[in-house]
């Protein structure tokens, strides 16, 4: 019996680990277009050199070998759900499965704003964070540097904090502008008792915060905001929003807002052998909708693995119970300089 896991982020690796823990006989294969696992939550810390890229990644081949699984470094181009086959690369190779776990995660979105993708850097991948850090290092520290961080959610706030540390260490003068379309920083939390101290910390360290400010267009050297104001920049770091992985667009499966819809047992409706977990999945229960975070990804990975084992034994599947929901989120938010905020709803 073979379980195929597509996507080796937090959810996929947790599922693989739990499957092996529960069964020594099961054949497990993992597919990812990367060769290294990336600790996405801490990528902003690369900017201040608090950690190195190597410290935030791990070899997927070694992980697979440790749990006696197969790792396939390839990009999935199609899935035949009737034949139970995943096609990779140029579609010349086909990987069969008995159970399929989809955990391909999310991608950065630029909301179709002209020039945003072409002119922005990011920290949503290891390569992106590395490239952003390298570009920061090319800026002339003897001149005033203008940096725009677009999006004041968790990642944007953490990036702003790490940039303060970075420029202080360089002895450089920098204008760091954190831009948010919503009325407050950390809009997903919708609580002033969290937003206010975070705003106070960042502004007290020199970060300029612009809320209720939407980006209309990005040019070669300036951002045009809705309303006509402009911001001259040396570098833009984009942290505003995510979208479903490109693979999901070609899959004929039930979706909600582009994400794969799942039942209470984390199976895709109408497909008893397909599970979707992590940022890939749209899961909602009476406790709320699962947040797209590490805690939920790992929790879903464990339950999906347990349910595959239960299904093989003919047992009743377990219902997933979210803990870190969109309605009641919780998080540990790094502000740089050894400062952080912990929030529990």
C-alpha atoms as a PDB file:
ATOM      1  CA  UNK A   1       0.000   0.000   0.000  1.00  0.00           C
ATOM      2  CA  UNK A   2       1.488   3.320  -1.097  1.00  0.00           C
ATOM      3  CA  UNK A   3       0.899   6.824   0.259  1.00  0.00           C
ATOM      4  CA  UNK A   4       2.119   9.681  -1.906  1.00  0.00           C
ATOM      5  CA  UNK A   5       2.648  13.098  -0.302  1.00  0.00           C
ATOM      6  CA  UNK A   6       2.855  16.086  -2.654  1.00  0.00           C
ATOM      7  CA  UNK A   7       4.514  19.029  -0.919  1.00  0.00           C
ATOM      8  CA  UNK A   8       7.115  18.810   1.835  1.00  0.00           C
ATOM      9  CA  UNK A   9       6.355  21.748   4.080  1.00  0.00           C
ATOM     10  CA  UNK A  10       5.302  21.490   7.723  1.00  0.00           C
ATOM     11  CA  UNK A  11       2.064  19.631   6.929  1.00  0.00           C
ATOM     12  CA  UNK A  12       3.568  17.146   4.493  1.00  0.00           C
ATOM     13  CA  UNK A  13       6.545  16.253   6.674  1.00  0.00           C
ATOM     14  CA  UNK A  14       4.361  15.854   9.751  1.00  0.00           C
ATOM     15  CA  UNK A  15       2.081  13.507   7.811  1.00  0.00           C
ATOM     16  CA  UNK A  16       5.040  11.460   6.576  1.00  0.00           C
ATOM     17  CA  UNK A  17       6.573  11.224  10.044  1.00  0.00           C
ATOM     18  CA  UNK A  18       3.278  10.206  11.634  1.00  0.00           C
ATOM     19  CA  UNK A  19       2.571   7.599   8.963  1.00  0.00           C
ATOM     20  CA  UNK A  20       5.919   5.940   9.560  1.00  0.00           C
ATOM     21  CA  UNK A  21       5.403   6.105  13.316  1.00  0.00           C
ATOM     22  CA  UNK A  22       2.125   4.193  12.926  1.00  0.00           C
ATOM     23  CA  UNK A  23       3.220   1.722  10.243  1.00  0.00           C
ATOM     24  CA  UNK A  24       6.580   0.163   9.387  1.00  0.00           C
ATOM     25  CA  UNK A  25       5.200  -1.650   6.322  1.00  0.00           C
ATOM     26  CA  UNK A  26       3.536   1.242   4.513  1.00  0.00           C
ATOM     27  CA  UNK A  27       5.277   2.520   1.376  1.00  0.00           C
ATOM     28  CA  UNK A  28       5.718   6.287   1.618  1.00  0.00           C
ATOM     29  CA  UNK A  29       6.846   8.586  -1.199  1.00  0.00           C
ATOM     30  CA  UNK A  30       7.268  12.367  -1.032  1.00  0.00           C
ATOM     31  CA  UNK A  31       7.421  14.825  -3.938  1.00  0.00           C
ATOM     32  CA  UNK A  32       8.639  18.422  -3.859  1.00  0.00           C
ATOM     33  CA  UNK A  33      10.169  20.769  -6.427  1.00  0.00           C
ATOM     34  CA  UNK A  34      12.647  21.861  -3.750  1.00  0.00           C
ATOM     35  CA  UNK A  35      15.366  19.673  -2.270  1.00  0.00           C
ATOM     36  CA  UNK A  36      15.305  21.355   1.130  1.00  0.00           C
ATOM     37  CA  UNK A  37      12.628  21.933   3.736  1.00  0.00           C
ATOM     38  CA  UNK A  38      12.270  25.648   4.542  1.00  0.00           C
ATOM     39  CA  UNK A  39      11.373  27.014   7.972  1.00  0.00           C
ATOM     40  CA  UNK A  40       9.184  29.753   6.532  1.00  0.00           C
ATOM     41  CA  UNK A  41       8.096  31.304   9.828  1.00  0.00           C
ATOM     42  CA  UNK A  42      11.610  32.508  10.648  1.00  0.00           C
ATOM     43  CA  UNK A  43      12.721  33.733   7.207  1.00  0.00           C
ATOM     44  CA  UNK A  44      12.504  37.450   8.135  1.00  0.00           C
ATOM     45  CA  UNK A  45      15.359  36.840  10.594  1.00  0.00           C
ATOM     46  CA  UNK A  46      17.696  36.201   7.656  1.00  0.00           C
ATOM     47  CA  UNK A  47      17.564  39.933   6.897  1.00  0.00           C
ATOM     48  CA  UNK A  48      19.255  40.892  10.160  1.00  0.00           C
ATOM     49  CA  UNK A  49      21.639  37.904   9.954  1.00  0.00           C
ATOM     50  CA  UNK A  50      20.225  36.563  13.204  1.00  0.00           C
ATOM     51  CA  UNK A  51      20.169  33.218  11.417  1.00  0.00           C
ATOM     52  CA  UNK A  52      21.649  31.934   8.169  1.00  0.00           C
ATOM     53  CA  UNK A  53      19.729  30.323   5.297  1.00  0.00           C
ATOM     54  CA  UNK A  54      21.425  27.015   6.115  1.00  0.00           C
ATOM     55  CA  UNK A  55      20.070  27.129   9.669  1.00  0.00           C
ATOM     56  CA  UNK A  56      16.504  27.524   8.385  1.00  0.00           C
ATOM     57  CA  UNK A  57      16.526  24.628   5.951  1.00  0.00           C
ATOM     58  CA  UNK A  58      17.089  20.880   5.962  1.00  0.00           C
ATOM     59  CA  UNK A  59      17.852  18.235   3.352  1.00  0.00           C
ATOM     60  CA  UNK A  60      14.645  16.448   2.312  1.00  0.00           C
ATOM     61  CA  UNK A  61      16.599  13.443   1.073  1.00  0.00           C
ATOM     62  CA  UNK A  62      18.032  12.942   4.559  1.00  0.00           C
ATOM     63  CA  UNK A  63      14.604  13.291   6.158  1.00  0.00           C
ATOM     64  CA  UNK A  64      13.144  10.725   3.772  1.00  0.00           C
ATOM     65  CA  UNK A  65      15.999   8.296   4.417  1.00  0.00           C
ATOM     66  CA  UNK A  66      15.515   8.671   8.170  1.00  0.00           C
ATOM     67  CA  UNK A  67      11.895   7.529   7.998  1.00  0.00           C
ATOM     68  CA  UNK A  68      12.505   4.970   5.239  1.00  0.00           C
ATOM     69  CA  UNK A  69      10.562   6.890   2.614  1.00  0.00           C
ATOM     70  CA  UNK A  70      11.306   7.810  -1.007  1.00  0.00           C
ATOM     71  CA  UNK A  71      11.935  11.440  -1.905  1.00  0.00           C
ATOM     72  CA  UNK A  72      11.340  12.602  -5.473  1.00  0.00           C
ATOM     73  CA  UNK A  73      12.632  16.030  -6.450  1.00  0.00           C
ATOM     74  CA  UNK A  74      10.241  17.066  -9.205  1.00  0.00           C
ATOM     75  CA  UNK A  75       7.326  19.311 -10.088  1.00  0.00           C
ATOM     76  CA  UNK A  76       3.857  17.815 -10.366  1.00  0.00           C
ATOM     77  CA  UNK A  77       2.261  18.708 -13.711  1.00  0.00           C
ATOM     78  CA  UNK A  78      -0.937  16.644 -13.599  1.00  0.00           C
ATOM     79  CA  UNK A  79      -2.871  14.139 -11.490  1.00  0.00           C
ATOM     80  CA  UNK A  80      -5.153  11.402 -12.821  1.00  0.00           C
ATOM     81  CA  UNK A  81      -7.534  10.744  -9.941  1.00  0.00           C
ATOM     82  CA  UNK A  82      -9.269   7.849 -11.698  1.00  0.00           C
ATOM     83  CA  UNK A  83      -6.073   5.948 -12.442  1.00  0.00           C
ATOM     84  CA  UNK A  84      -4.497   7.169  -9.174  1.00  0.00           C
ATOM     85  CA  UNK A  85      -1.377   8.478 -10.901  1.00  0.00           C
ATOM     86  CA  UNK A  86       0.658  11.640 -10.330  1.00  0.00           C
ATOM     87  CA  UNK A  87       2.553  12.911 -13.366  1.00  0.00           C
ATOM     88  CA  UNK A  88       5.823  14.743 -12.769  1.00  0.00           C
ATOM     89  CA  UNK A  89       8.398  16.692 -14.739  1.00  0.00           C
ATOM     90  CA  UNK A  90       7.504  16.611 -18.414  1.00  0.00           C
ATOM     91  CA  UNK A  91       4.734  14.110 -17.599  1.00  0.00           C
ATOM     92  CA  UNK A  92       6.987  11.296 -18.853  1.00  0.00           C
ATOM     93  CA  UNK A  93       7.134   9.758 -15.388  1.00  0.00           C
ATOM     94  CA  UNK A  94       4.029   8.599 -13.556  1.00  0.00           C
ATOM     95  CA  UNK A  95       3.914   7.853  -9.834  1.00  0.00           C
ATOM     96  CA  UNK A  96       1.083   5.548  -8.699  1.00  0.00           C
ATOM     97  CA  UNK A  97      -0.571   5.862  -5.304  1.00  0.00           C
ATOM     98  CA  UNK A  98      -3.228   4.277  -3.138  1.00  0.00           C
ATOM     99  CA  UNK A  99      -3.652   7.344  -0.929  1.00  0.00           C
ATOM    100  CA  UNK A 100      -2.705  10.889  -1.890  1.00  0.00           C
ATOM    101  CA  UNK A 101      -1.888  13.747   0.491  1.00  0.00           C
ATOM    102  CA  UNK A 102      -1.866  17.219  -1.062  1.00  0.00           C
ATOM    103  CA  UNK A 103       0.134  19.746   0.948  1.00  0.00           C
ATOM    104  CA  UNK A 104       1.620  22.087  -1.634  1.00  0.00           C
ATOM    105  CA  UNK A 105       1.159  25.264   0.408  1.00  0.00           C
ATOM    106  CA  UNK A 106       0.538  28.792  -0.843  1.00  0.00           C
ATOM    107  CA  UNK A 107       2.260  31.415  -2.999  1.00  0.00           C
ATOM    108  CA  UNK A 108       2.818  35.161  -2.794  1.00  0.00           C
ATOM    109  CA  UNK A 109       0.133  37.286  -4.431  1.00  0.00           C
ATOM    110  CA  UNK A 110       0.533  40.800  -5.789  1.00  0.00           C
ATOM    111  CA  UNK A 111      -3.203  41.336  -6.391  1.00  0.00           C
ATOM    112  CA  UNK A 112      -2.622  42.304 -10.009  1.00  0.00           C
ATOM    113  CA  UNK A 113      -1.098  45.655  -9.010  1.00  0.00           C
ATOM    114  CA  UNK A 114       0.923  46.998 -11.960  1.00  0.00           C
ATOM    115  CA  UNK A 115       4.675  46.754 -11.394  1.00  0.00           C
ATOM    116  CA  UNK A 116       4.415  45.151  -7.939  1.00  0.00           C
ATOM    117  CA  UNK A 117       5.781  41.728  -8.808  1.00  0.00           C
ATOM    118  CA  UNK A 118       8.473  43.082 -11.136  1.00  0.00           C
ATOM    119  CA  UNK A 119       9.929  45.530  -8.624  1.00  0.00           C
ATOM    120  CA  UNK A 120       9.431  43.786  -5.275  1.00  0.00           C
ATOM    121  CA  UNK A 121      11.506  41.454  -3.143  1.00  0.00           C
ATOM    122  CA  UNK A 122      10.028  38.985  -0.667  1.00  0.00           C
ATOM    123  CA  UNK A 123      10.731  36.658   2.245  1.00  0.00           C
ATOM    124  CA  UNK A 124       8.082  34.042   1.484  1.00  0.00           C
ATOM    125  CA  UNK A 125      10.699  31.516   0.312  1.00  0.00           C
ATOM    126  CA  UNK A 126      14.270  30.785   1.319  1.00  0.00           C
ATOM    127  CA  UNK A 127      15.567  31.950  -2.056  1.00  0.00           C
ATOM    128  CA  UNK A 128      13.450  35.085  -1.777  1.00  0.00           C
ATOM    129  CA  UNK A 129      14.798  35.935   1.669  1.00  0.00           C
ATOM    130  CA  UNK A 130      18.363  35.261   0.545  1.00  0.00           C
ATOM    131  CA  UNK A 131      17.935  37.495  -2.509  1.00  0.00           C
ATOM    132  CA  UNK A 132      16.402  40.259  -0.396  1.00  0.00           C
ATOM    133  CA  UNK A 133      19.306  40.146   2.044  1.00  0.00           C
ATOM    134  CA  UNK A 134      21.843  40.240  -0.781  1.00  0.00           C
ATOM    135  CA  UNK A 135      20.127  43.266  -2.296  1.00  0.00           C
ATOM    136  CA  UNK A 136      20.060  45.087   1.046  1.00  0.00           C
ATOM    137  CA  UNK A 137      23.802  44.503   1.284  1.00  0.00           C
ATOM    138  CA  UNK A 138      24.343  46.302  -2.036  1.00  0.00           C
ATOM    139  CA  UNK A 139      22.690  49.528  -0.853  1.00  0.00           C
ATOM    140  CA  UNK A 140      25.042  52.401  -0.005  1.00  0.00           C
ATOM    141  CA  UNK A 141      25.033  52.833   3.810  1.00  0.00           C
ATOM    142  CA  UNK A 142      26.491  56.342   3.504  1.00  0.00           C
ATOM    143  CA  UNK A 143      23.284  57.580   1.879  1.00  0.00           C
ATOM    144  CA  UNK A 144      19.708  57.741   3.188  1.00  0.00           C
ATOM    145  CA  UNK A 145      17.996  54.483   2.255  1.00  0.00           C
ATOM    146  CA  UNK A 146      14.240  54.289   1.658  1.00  0.00           C
ATOM    147  CA  UNK A 147      12.603  50.929   2.278  1.00  0.00           C
ATOM    148  CA  UNK A 148       8.928  50.093   1.789  1.00  0.00           C
ATOM    149  CA  UNK A 149       7.447  47.016   3.448  1.00  0.00           C
ATOM    150  CA  UNK A 150       4.050  46.343   1.886  1.00  0.00           C
ATOM    151  CA  UNK A 151       1.637  44.540   4.202  1.00  0.00           C
ATOM    152  CA  UNK A 152       1.570  44.864   7.999  1.00  0.00           C
ATOM    153  CA  UNK A 153       0.481  41.353   8.838  1.00  0.00           C
ATOM    154  CA  UNK A 154       2.656  38.940  10.809  1.00  0.00           C
ATOM    155  CA  UNK A 155       5.395  38.779   8.194  1.00  0.00           C
ATOM    156  CA  UNK A 156       5.420  42.524   7.470  1.00  0.00           C
ATOM    157  CA  UNK A 157       5.715  43.406  11.148  1.00  0.00           C
ATOM    158  CA  UNK A 158       8.566  40.934  11.620  1.00  0.00           C
ATOM    159  CA  UNK A 159      10.359  42.192   8.512  1.00  0.00           C
ATOM    160  CA  UNK A 160      10.129  45.803   9.730  1.00  0.00           C
ATOM    161  CA  UNK A 161      11.590  44.822  13.099  1.00  0.00           C
ATOM    162  CA  UNK A 162      14.490  42.931  11.534  1.00  0.00           C
ATOM    163  CA  UNK A 163      15.219  45.814   9.153  1.00  0.00           C
ATOM    164  CA  UNK A 164      15.664  48.160  12.121  1.00  0.00           C
ATOM    165  CA  UNK A 165      18.259  45.749  13.524  1.00  0.00           C
ATOM    166  CA  UNK A 166      19.937  45.408  10.123  1.00  0.00           C
ATOM    167  CA  UNK A 167      20.386  49.146   9.507  1.00  0.00           C
ATOM    168  CA  UNK A 168      21.448  49.838  13.093  1.00  0.00           C
ATOM    169  CA  UNK A 169      24.203  47.241  12.742  1.00  0.00           C
ATOM    170  CA  UNK A 170      25.270  48.873   9.471  1.00  0.00           C
ATOM    171  CA  UNK A 171      25.260  52.318  11.040  1.00  0.00           C
ATOM    172  CA  UNK A 172      23.081  53.381   8.128  1.00  0.00           C
ATOM    173  CA  UNK A 173      20.328  55.977   8.007  1.00  0.00           C
ATOM    174  CA  UNK A 174      17.137  54.403   6.702  1.00  0.00           C
ATOM    175  CA  UNK A 175      13.515  55.371   6.313  1.00  0.00           C
ATOM    176  CA  UNK A 176      11.520  52.180   6.855  1.00  0.00           C
ATOM    177  CA  UNK A 177       7.888  52.565   5.847  1.00  0.00           C
ATOM    178  CA  UNK A 178       5.394  49.827   6.756  1.00  0.00           C
ATOM    179  CA  UNK A 179       2.324  50.128   4.532  1.00  0.00           C
ATOM    180  CA  UNK A 180      -1.058  48.559   5.313  1.00  0.00           C
ATOM    181  CA  UNK A 181      -4.345  48.877   3.452  1.00  0.00           C
ATOM    182  CA  UNK A 182      -6.420  48.083   6.568  1.00  0.00           C
ATOM    183  CA  UNK A 183      -6.960  50.486   9.521  1.00  0.00           C
ATOM    184  CA  UNK A 184      -4.386  48.822  11.822  1.00  0.00           C
ATOM    185  CA  UNK A 185      -1.256  46.703  11.836  1.00  0.00           C
ATOM    186  CA  UNK A 186      -1.838  42.952  12.265  1.00  0.00           C
ATOM    187  CA  UNK A 187      -5.357  43.257  10.787  1.00  0.00           C
ATOM    188  CA  UNK A 188      -5.976  39.501  10.965  1.00  0.00           C
ATOM    189  CA  UNK A 189      -6.003  39.754  14.760  1.00  0.00           C
ATOM    190  CA  UNK A 190      -8.476  42.657  14.879  1.00  0.00           C
ATOM    191  CA  UNK A 191      -7.566  43.503  18.463  1.00  0.00           C
ATOM    192  CA  UNK A 192      -6.155  46.845  19.507  1.00  0.00           C
ATOM    193  CA  UNK A 193      -4.559  45.343  22.627  1.00  0.00           C
ATOM    194  CA  UNK A 194      -2.166  43.543  20.277  1.00  0.00           C
ATOM    195  CA  UNK A 195      -1.865  46.064  17.457  1.00  0.00           C
ATOM    196  CA  UNK A 196      -1.205  49.081  19.687  1.00  0.00           C
ATOM    197  CA  UNK A 197       1.881  47.763  21.527  1.00  0.00           C
ATOM    198  CA  UNK A 198       3.320  46.441  18.261  1.00  0.00           C
ATOM    199  CA  UNK A 199       2.789  49.814  16.593  1.00  0.00           C
ATOM    200  CA  UNK A 200       4.306  51.573  19.606  1.00  0.00           C
ATOM    201  CA  UNK A 201       7.379  49.326  19.551  1.00  0.00           C
ATOM    202  CA  UNK A 202       8.024  49.817  15.841  1.00  0.00           C
ATOM    203  CA  UNK A 203       7.357  53.548  15.702  1.00  0.00           C
ATOM    204  CA  UNK A 204       9.504  54.011  18.804  1.00  0.00           C
ATOM    205  CA  UNK A 205      12.379  52.458  16.858  1.00  0.00           C
ATOM    206  CA  UNK A 206      11.866  54.710  13.859  1.00  0.00           C
ATOM    207  CA  UNK A 207       9.500  52.733  11.627  1.00  0.00           C
ATOM    208  CA  UNK A 208       6.952  54.878   9.797  1.00  0.00           C
ATOM    209  CA  UNK A 209       3.557  53.163   9.656  1.00  0.00           C
ATOM    210  CA  UNK A 210       0.981  54.048   7.017  1.00  0.00           C
ATOM    211  CA  UNK A 211      -2.396  52.378   7.583  1.00  0.00           C
ATOM    212  CA  UNK A 212      -5.444  52.729   5.343  1.00  0.00           C
ATOM    213  CA  UNK A 213      -2.975  53.144   2.504  1.00  0.00           C
ATOM    214  CA  UNK A 214      -3.359  51.086  -0.673  1.00  0.00           C
ATOM    215  CA  UNK A 215      -0.707  50.580  -3.319  1.00  0.00           C
ATOM    216  CA  UNK A 216      -2.052  51.529  -6.734  1.00  0.00           C
ATOM    217  CA  UNK A 217       1.049  51.081  -8.888  1.00  0.00           C
ATOM    218  CA  UNK A 218       4.769  50.429  -8.533  1.00  0.00           C
ATOM    219  CA  UNK A 219       7.209  52.211 -10.832  1.00  0.00           C
ATOM    220  CA  UNK A 220      10.955  51.905 -11.314  1.00  0.00           C
ATOM    221  CA  UNK A 221      11.773  54.113  -8.327  1.00  0.00           C
ATOM    222  CA  UNK A 222       8.476  55.128  -6.717  1.00  0.00           C
ATOM    223  CA  UNK A 223       5.266  53.654  -5.334  1.00  0.00           C
ATOM    224  CA  UNK A 224       2.013  55.389  -6.228  1.00  0.00           C
ATOM    225  CA  UNK A 225      -0.596  55.119  -3.505  1.00  0.00           C
ATOM    226  CA  UNK A 226      -4.337  55.377  -4.017  1.00  0.00           C
ATOM    227  CA  UNK A 227      -5.100  59.045  -3.539  1.00  0.00           C
ATOM    228  CA  UNK A 228      -2.028  60.228  -5.413  1.00  0.00           C
ATOM    229  CA  UNK A 229       0.752  60.220  -2.781  1.00  0.00           C
ATOM    230  CA  UNK A 230       4.129  58.787  -3.791  1.00  0.00           C
ATOM    231  CA  UNK A 231       6.974  57.064  -1.964  1.00  0.00           C
ATOM    232  CA  UNK A 232      10.472  57.047  -3.490  1.00  0.00           C
ATOM    233  CA  UNK A 233      12.112  53.722  -2.685  1.00  0.00           C
ATOM    234  CA  UNK A 234      15.450  51.973  -2.877  1.00  0.00           C
ATOM    235  CA  UNK A 235      13.933  48.560  -2.159  1.00  0.00           C
ATOM    236  CA  UNK A 236      10.408  47.168  -1.724  1.00  0.00           C
ATOM    237  CA  UNK A 237       9.759  44.063   0.369  1.00  0.00           C
ATOM    238  CA  UNK A 238       6.318  42.641  -0.389  1.00  0.00           C
ATOM    239  CA  UNK A 239       4.560  40.755   2.423  1.00  0.00           C
ATOM    240  CA  UNK A 240       0.911  41.424   1.535  1.00  0.00           C
ATOM    241  CA  UNK A 241      -1.153  38.316   1.022  1.00  0.00           C
ATOM    242  CA  UNK A 242      -0.986  34.779  -0.300  1.00  0.00           C
ATOM    243  CA  UNK A 243      -2.852  32.835  -2.959  1.00  0.00           C
ATOM    244  CA  UNK A 244      -3.442  29.125  -3.639  1.00  0.00           C
ATOM    245  CA  UNK A 245      -0.543  27.200  -5.130  1.00  0.00           C
ATOM    246  CA  UNK A 246      -0.509  27.213  -8.932  1.00  0.00           C
ATOM    247  CA  UNK A 247      -0.963  23.428  -9.008  1.00  0.00           C
ATOM    248  CA  UNK A 248      -4.443  23.747  -7.507  1.00  0.00           C
ATOM    249  CA  UNK A 249      -5.646  25.684 -10.547  1.00  0.00           C
ATOM    250  CA  UNK A 250      -5.308  22.626 -12.780  1.00  0.00           C
ATOM    251  CA  UNK A 251      -6.849  20.123 -10.371  1.00  0.00           C
ATOM    252  CA  UNK A 252     -10.513  19.267 -10.907  1.00  0.00           C
ATOM    253  CA  UNK A 253     -11.339  19.067  -7.212  1.00  0.00           C
ATOM    254  CA  UNK A 254     -13.848  20.902  -4.985  1.00  0.00           C
ATOM    255  CA  UNK A 255     -12.506  24.312  -3.982  1.00  0.00           C
ATOM    256  CA  UNK A 256     -13.432  27.223  -1.753  1.00  0.00           C
ATOM    257  CA  UNK A 257     -11.901  30.568  -2.756  1.00  0.00           C
ATOM    258  CA  UNK A 258      -9.283  28.629  -4.720  1.00  0.00           C
ATOM    259  CA  UNK A 259      -8.210  26.415  -1.799  1.00  0.00           C
ATOM    260  CA  UNK A 260      -9.020  22.697  -1.697  1.00  0.00           C
ATOM    261  CA  UNK A 261     -12.175  22.057   0.277  1.00  0.00           C
ATOM    262  CA  UNK A 262     -11.998  19.242   2.822  1.00  0.00           C
ATOM    263  CA  UNK A 263     -14.467  17.380   5.015  1.00  0.00           C
ATOM    264  CA  UNK A 264     -14.168  17.005   8.788  1.00  0.00           C
ATOM    265  CA  UNK A 265     -11.756  14.074   8.324  1.00  0.00           C
ATOM    266  CA  UNK A 266      -9.554  16.195   5.982  1.00  0.00           C
ATOM    267  CA  UNK A 267     -10.547  14.214   2.882  1.00  0.00           C
ATOM    268  CA  UNK A 268     -11.501  16.036  -0.299  1.00  0.00           C
ATOM    269  CA  UNK A 269     -15.265  15.596  -0.836  1.00  0.00           C
ATOM    270  CA  UNK A 270     -16.015  12.802  -3.292  1.00  0.00           C
ATOM    271  CA  UNK A 271     -12.474  11.407  -3.102  1.00  0.00           C
ATOM    272  CA  UNK A 272     -11.990   8.900  -0.292  1.00  0.00           C
ATOM    273  CA  UNK A 273      -8.300   8.406  -1.060  1.00  0.00           C
ATOM    274  CA  UNK A 274      -7.313  12.092  -1.229  1.00  0.00           C
ATOM    275  CA  UNK A 275      -6.430  14.261   1.770  1.00  0.00           C
ATOM    276  CA  UNK A 276      -5.574  17.965   1.668  1.00  0.00           C
ATOM    277  CA  UNK A 277      -3.730  19.637   4.546  1.00  0.00           C
ATOM    278  CA  UNK A 278      -1.884  22.788   5.551  1.00  0.00           C
ATOM    279  CA  UNK A 279      -2.195  26.017   3.579  1.00  0.00           C
ATOM    280  CA  UNK A 280      -3.552  23.984   0.655  1.00  0.00           C
ATOM    281  CA  UNK A 281      -6.765  23.132   2.497  1.00  0.00           C
ATOM    282  CA  UNK A 282      -9.881  25.117   3.285  1.00  0.00           C
ATOM    283  CA  UNK A 283     -11.156  23.590   6.521  1.00  0.00           C
ATOM    284  CA  UNK A 284     -14.036  24.943   8.552  1.00  0.00           C
ATOM    285  CA  UNK A 285     -15.789  23.541  11.610  1.00  0.00           C
ATOM    286  CA  UNK A 286     -18.023  24.816  14.393  1.00  0.00           C
ATOM    287  CA  UNK A 287     -14.834  26.146  16.037  1.00  0.00           C
ATOM    288  CA  UNK A 288     -14.000  28.275  13.010  1.00  0.00           C
ATOM    289  CA  UNK A 289     -11.798  28.096   9.937  1.00  0.00           C
ATOM    290  CA  UNK A 290      -8.273  26.755  10.291  1.00  0.00           C
ATOM    291  CA  UNK A 291      -5.646  29.469  10.059  1.00  0.00           C
ATOM    292  CA  UNK A 292      -2.829  29.113   7.557  1.00  0.00           C
ATOM    293  CA  UNK A 293      -0.062  28.657  10.100  1.00  0.00           C
ATOM    294  CA  UNK A 294       2.450  26.090  11.317  1.00  0.00           C
ATOM    295  CA  UNK A 295       0.339  24.904  14.254  1.00  0.00           C
ATOM    296  CA  UNK A 296      -2.608  24.033  12.030  1.00  0.00           C
ATOM    297  CA  UNK A 297      -0.395  22.506   9.330  1.00  0.00           C
ATOM    298  CA  UNK A 298       1.267  20.119  11.760  1.00  0.00           C
ATOM    299  CA  UNK A 299      -2.024  19.271  13.464  1.00  0.00           C
ATOM    300  CA  UNK A 300      -3.681  18.465  10.151  1.00  0.00           C
ATOM    301  CA  UNK A 301      -0.672  16.414   9.060  1.00  0.00           C
ATOM    302  CA  UNK A 302      -0.978  14.193  12.126  1.00  0.00           C
ATOM    303  CA  UNK A 303      -4.734  13.673  11.774  1.00  0.00           C
ATOM    304  CA  UNK A 304      -4.509  12.959   8.032  1.00  0.00           C
ATOM    305  CA  UNK A 305      -1.862  10.304   8.700  1.00  0.00           C
ATOM    306  CA  UNK A 306      -3.923   8.766  11.486  1.00  0.00           C
ATOM    307  CA  UNK A 307      -6.988   8.687   9.230  1.00  0.00           C
ATOM    308  CA  UNK A 308      -5.098   6.918   6.443  1.00  0.00           C
ATOM    309  CA  UNK A 309      -4.108   4.204   8.903  1.00  0.00           C
ATOM    310  CA  UNK A 310      -7.685   4.042  10.200  1.00  0.00           C
ATOM    311  CA  UNK A 311      -9.007   3.736   6.645  1.00  0.00           C
ATOM    312  CA  UNK A 312      -6.611   0.871   5.932  1.00  0.00           C
ATOM    313  CA  UNK A 313      -7.927  -0.907   9.018  1.00  0.00           C
ATOM    314  CA  UNK A 314     -11.556  -0.243   8.133  1.00  0.00           C
ATOM    315  CA  UNK A 315     -12.005   1.946  11.208  1.00  0.00           C
ATOM    316  CA  UNK A 316     -14.039   5.128  11.592  1.00  0.00           C
ATOM    317  CA  UNK A 317     -12.038   8.229  10.652  1.00  0.00           C
ATOM    318  CA  UNK A 318     -11.216  10.943  13.149  1.00  0.00           C
ATOM    319  CA  UNK A 319     -12.620  14.471  12.857  1.00  0.00           C
ATOM    320  CA  UNK A 320     -10.087  17.259  12.886  1.00  0.00           C
ATOM    321  CA  UNK A 321     -10.458  19.982  15.545  1.00  0.00           C
ATOM    322  CA  UNK A 322      -8.682  23.256  14.706  1.00  0.00           C
ATOM    323  CA  UNK A 323      -6.829  25.125  17.433  1.00  0.00           C
ATOM    324  CA  UNK A 324      -5.389  28.196  15.733  1.00  0.00           C
ATOM    325  CA  UNK A 325      -8.300  29.565  13.739  1.00  0.00           C
ATOM    326  CA  UNK A 326      -8.853  32.680  11.675  1.00  0.00           C
ATOM    327  CA  UNK A 327     -11.583  33.704  14.112  1.00  0.00           C
ATOM    328  CA  UNK A 328      -9.372  33.157  17.181  1.00  0.00           C
ATOM    329  CA  UNK A 329      -5.724  33.307  16.053  1.00  0.00           C
ATOM    330  CA  UNK A 330      -2.663  32.987  18.240  1.00  0.00           C
ATOM    331  CA  UNK A 331       0.937  33.685  17.417  1.00  0.00           C
ATOM    332  CA  UNK A 332       4.457  34.430  18.587  1.00  0.00           C
ATOM    333  CA  UNK A 333       5.505  37.617  16.774  1.00  0.00           C
ATOM    334  CA  UNK A 334       9.177  38.555  16.659  1.00  0.00           C
ATOM    335  CA  UNK A 335       9.894  42.290  16.596  1.00  0.00           C
ATOM    336  CA  UNK A 336      13.661  42.007  16.286  1.00  0.00           C
ATOM    337  CA  UNK A 337      16.237  43.094  18.892  1.00  0.00           C
ATOM    338  CA  UNK A 338      15.251  40.145  21.102  1.00  0.00           C
ATOM    339  CA  UNK A 339      11.720  41.521  21.500  1.00  0.00           C
ATOM    340  CA  UNK A 340       8.542  39.556  20.780  1.00  0.00           C
ATOM    341  CA  UNK A 341       4.833  39.510  21.433  1.00  0.00           C
ATOM    342  CA  UNK A 342       2.903  36.346  22.271  1.00  0.00           C
ATOM    343  CA  UNK A 343      -0.812  36.398  21.598  1.00  0.00           C
ATOM    344  CA  UNK A 344      -3.406  33.825  22.639  1.00  0.00           C
ATOM    345  CA  UNK A 345      -7.091  34.456  22.008  1.00  0.00           C
END
